[in-house]
């Protein structure tokens, strides 16, 4: 979990957009278990807090008190 805290603190201004994963290229099997989908997503994206969509760099931050696993679960179940 310390790794996720480190990833969460990544500096968007210091990143190279060309090195970030384009979220449009991420594919997760919707029939796989939730744990498997989560693992697959993180394995493909690398940093789930910092990625790109086309040419737009995205930095994800949560302010509603939920932790990353809760938010990711919500996103995966919605997809």
C-alpha atoms as a PDB file:
ATOM      1  CA  UNK A   1       0.000   0.000   0.000  1.00  0.00           C
ATOM      2  CA  UNK A   2       2.988   2.314   0.456  1.00  0.00           C
ATOM      3  CA  UNK A   3       3.580   1.980  -3.281  1.00  0.00           C
ATOM      4  CA  UNK A   4       0.131   3.436  -3.978  1.00  0.00           C
ATOM      5  CA  UNK A   5       0.855   6.357  -1.641  1.00  0.00           C
ATOM      6  CA  UNK A   6       4.066   7.031  -3.546  1.00  0.00           C
ATOM      7  CA  UNK A   7       2.243   6.833  -6.890  1.00  0.00           C
ATOM      8  CA  UNK A   8      -0.481   9.157  -5.582  1.00  0.00           C
ATOM      9  CA  UNK A   9       2.159  11.802  -4.860  1.00  0.00           C
ATOM     10  CA  UNK A  10       3.593  11.765  -8.392  1.00  0.00           C
ATOM     11  CA  UNK A  11       4.166  15.287  -9.707  1.00  0.00           C
ATOM     12  CA  UNK A  12       2.131  15.922 -12.849  1.00  0.00           C
ATOM     13  CA  UNK A  13       4.444  18.768 -13.890  1.00  0.00           C
ATOM     14  CA  UNK A  14       7.467  16.457 -13.785  1.00  0.00           C
ATOM     15  CA  UNK A  15       5.964  13.663 -15.880  1.00  0.00           C
ATOM     16  CA  UNK A  16       6.654  12.969 -19.534  1.00  0.00           C
ATOM     17  CA  UNK A  17       3.282  12.575 -21.264  1.00  0.00           C
ATOM     18  CA  UNK A  18       4.797  10.242 -23.868  1.00  0.00           C
ATOM     19  CA  UNK A  19       5.738   7.797 -21.112  1.00  0.00           C
ATOM     20  CA  UNK A  20       2.247   7.659 -19.594  1.00  0.00           C
ATOM     21  CA  UNK A  21      -0.209   4.933 -20.515  1.00  0.00           C
ATOM     22  CA  UNK A  22      -3.117   6.053 -22.679  1.00  0.00           C
ATOM     23  CA  UNK A  23      -6.231   4.927 -20.828  1.00  0.00           C
ATOM     24  CA  UNK A  24      -7.969   4.268 -24.158  1.00  0.00           C
ATOM     25  CA  UNK A  25      -5.608   1.322 -24.657  1.00  0.00           C
ATOM     26  CA  UNK A  26      -6.369  -0.352 -21.331  1.00  0.00           C
ATOM     27  CA  UNK A  27      -8.577  -3.419 -21.551  1.00  0.00           C
ATOM     28  CA  UNK A  28      -9.951  -5.233 -18.531  1.00  0.00           C
ATOM     29  CA  UNK A  29     -12.052  -8.377 -18.791  1.00  0.00           C
ATOM     30  CA  UNK A  30     -15.453  -7.453 -17.311  1.00  0.00           C
ATOM     31  CA  UNK A  31     -16.143 -11.118 -16.529  1.00  0.00           C
ATOM     32  CA  UNK A  32     -13.022 -11.539 -14.391  1.00  0.00           C
ATOM     33  CA  UNK A  33     -13.208 -11.287 -10.608  1.00  0.00           C
ATOM     34  CA  UNK A  34     -13.013  -7.840  -9.073  1.00  0.00           C
ATOM     35  CA  UNK A  35      -9.548  -8.572  -7.677  1.00  0.00           C
ATOM     36  CA  UNK A  36      -8.349  -9.740 -11.096  1.00  0.00           C
ATOM     37  CA  UNK A  37      -9.791  -6.675 -12.840  1.00  0.00           C
ATOM     38  CA  UNK A  38      -8.127  -4.398 -10.301  1.00  0.00           C
ATOM     39  CA  UNK A  39      -4.780  -6.176 -10.695  1.00  0.00           C
ATOM     40  CA  UNK A  40      -5.059  -6.075 -14.503  1.00  0.00           C
ATOM     41  CA  UNK A  41      -5.914  -2.380 -14.512  1.00  0.00           C
ATOM     42  CA  UNK A  42      -2.993  -1.439 -12.272  1.00  0.00           C
ATOM     43  CA  UNK A  43      -0.617  -3.715 -14.199  1.00  0.00           C
ATOM     44  CA  UNK A  44      -1.536  -2.019 -17.466  1.00  0.00           C
ATOM     45  CA  UNK A  45      -1.677   1.578 -16.251  1.00  0.00           C
ATOM     46  CA  UNK A  46       1.308   1.475 -13.912  1.00  0.00           C
ATOM     47  CA  UNK A  47       0.277   4.534 -11.964  1.00  0.00           C
ATOM     48  CA  UNK A  48      -3.510   4.596 -11.509  1.00  0.00           C
ATOM     49  CA  UNK A  49      -3.272   8.214 -10.337  1.00  0.00           C
ATOM     50  CA  UNK A  50      -1.408   9.544 -13.382  1.00  0.00           C
ATOM     51  CA  UNK A  51      -2.085   8.579 -16.976  1.00  0.00           C
ATOM     52  CA  UNK A  52      -3.218  10.160 -20.204  1.00  0.00           C
ATOM     53  CA  UNK A  53      -6.268  10.097 -22.437  1.00  0.00           C
ATOM     54  CA  UNK A  54      -5.147  10.901 -25.967  1.00  0.00           C
ATOM     55  CA  UNK A  55      -2.983  14.021 -25.516  1.00  0.00           C
ATOM     56  CA  UNK A  56      -4.419  15.017 -22.141  1.00  0.00           C
ATOM     57  CA  UNK A  57      -2.469  14.168 -18.990  1.00  0.00           C
ATOM     58  CA  UNK A  58      -4.771  13.200 -16.132  1.00  0.00           C
ATOM     59  CA  UNK A  59      -3.930  13.348 -12.433  1.00  0.00           C
ATOM     60  CA  UNK A  60      -6.553  11.646 -10.253  1.00  0.00           C
ATOM     61  CA  UNK A  61      -7.223  12.922  -6.753  1.00  0.00           C
ATOM     62  CA  UNK A  62     -10.048  11.949  -4.423  1.00  0.00           C
ATOM     63  CA  UNK A  63     -11.505  14.278  -1.853  1.00  0.00           C
ATOM     64  CA  UNK A  64     -14.531  12.414  -0.583  1.00  0.00           C
ATOM     65  CA  UNK A  65     -12.811  10.302   2.053  1.00  0.00           C
ATOM     66  CA  UNK A  66     -12.789   7.080   0.018  1.00  0.00           C
ATOM     67  CA  UNK A  67      -9.495   5.302  -0.488  1.00  0.00           C
ATOM     68  CA  UNK A  68      -8.138   4.225  -3.858  1.00  0.00           C
ATOM     69  CA  UNK A  69      -9.416   0.663  -3.705  1.00  0.00           C
ATOM     70  CA  UNK A  70     -12.974   1.853  -2.997  1.00  0.00           C
ATOM     71  CA  UNK A  71     -12.912   4.316  -5.888  1.00  0.00           C
ATOM     72  CA  UNK A  72     -11.356   1.798  -8.284  1.00  0.00           C
ATOM     73  CA  UNK A  73     -13.975  -0.767  -7.293  1.00  0.00           C
ATOM     74  CA  UNK A  74     -16.714   1.766  -8.068  1.00  0.00           C
ATOM     75  CA  UNK A  75     -15.174   2.529 -11.467  1.00  0.00           C
ATOM     76  CA  UNK A  76     -14.708  -1.117 -12.407  1.00  0.00           C
ATOM     77  CA  UNK A  77     -18.202  -2.119 -11.348  1.00  0.00           C
ATOM     78  CA  UNK A  78     -19.673   0.802 -13.312  1.00  0.00           C
ATOM     79  CA  UNK A  79     -17.861  -0.246 -16.506  1.00  0.00           C
END
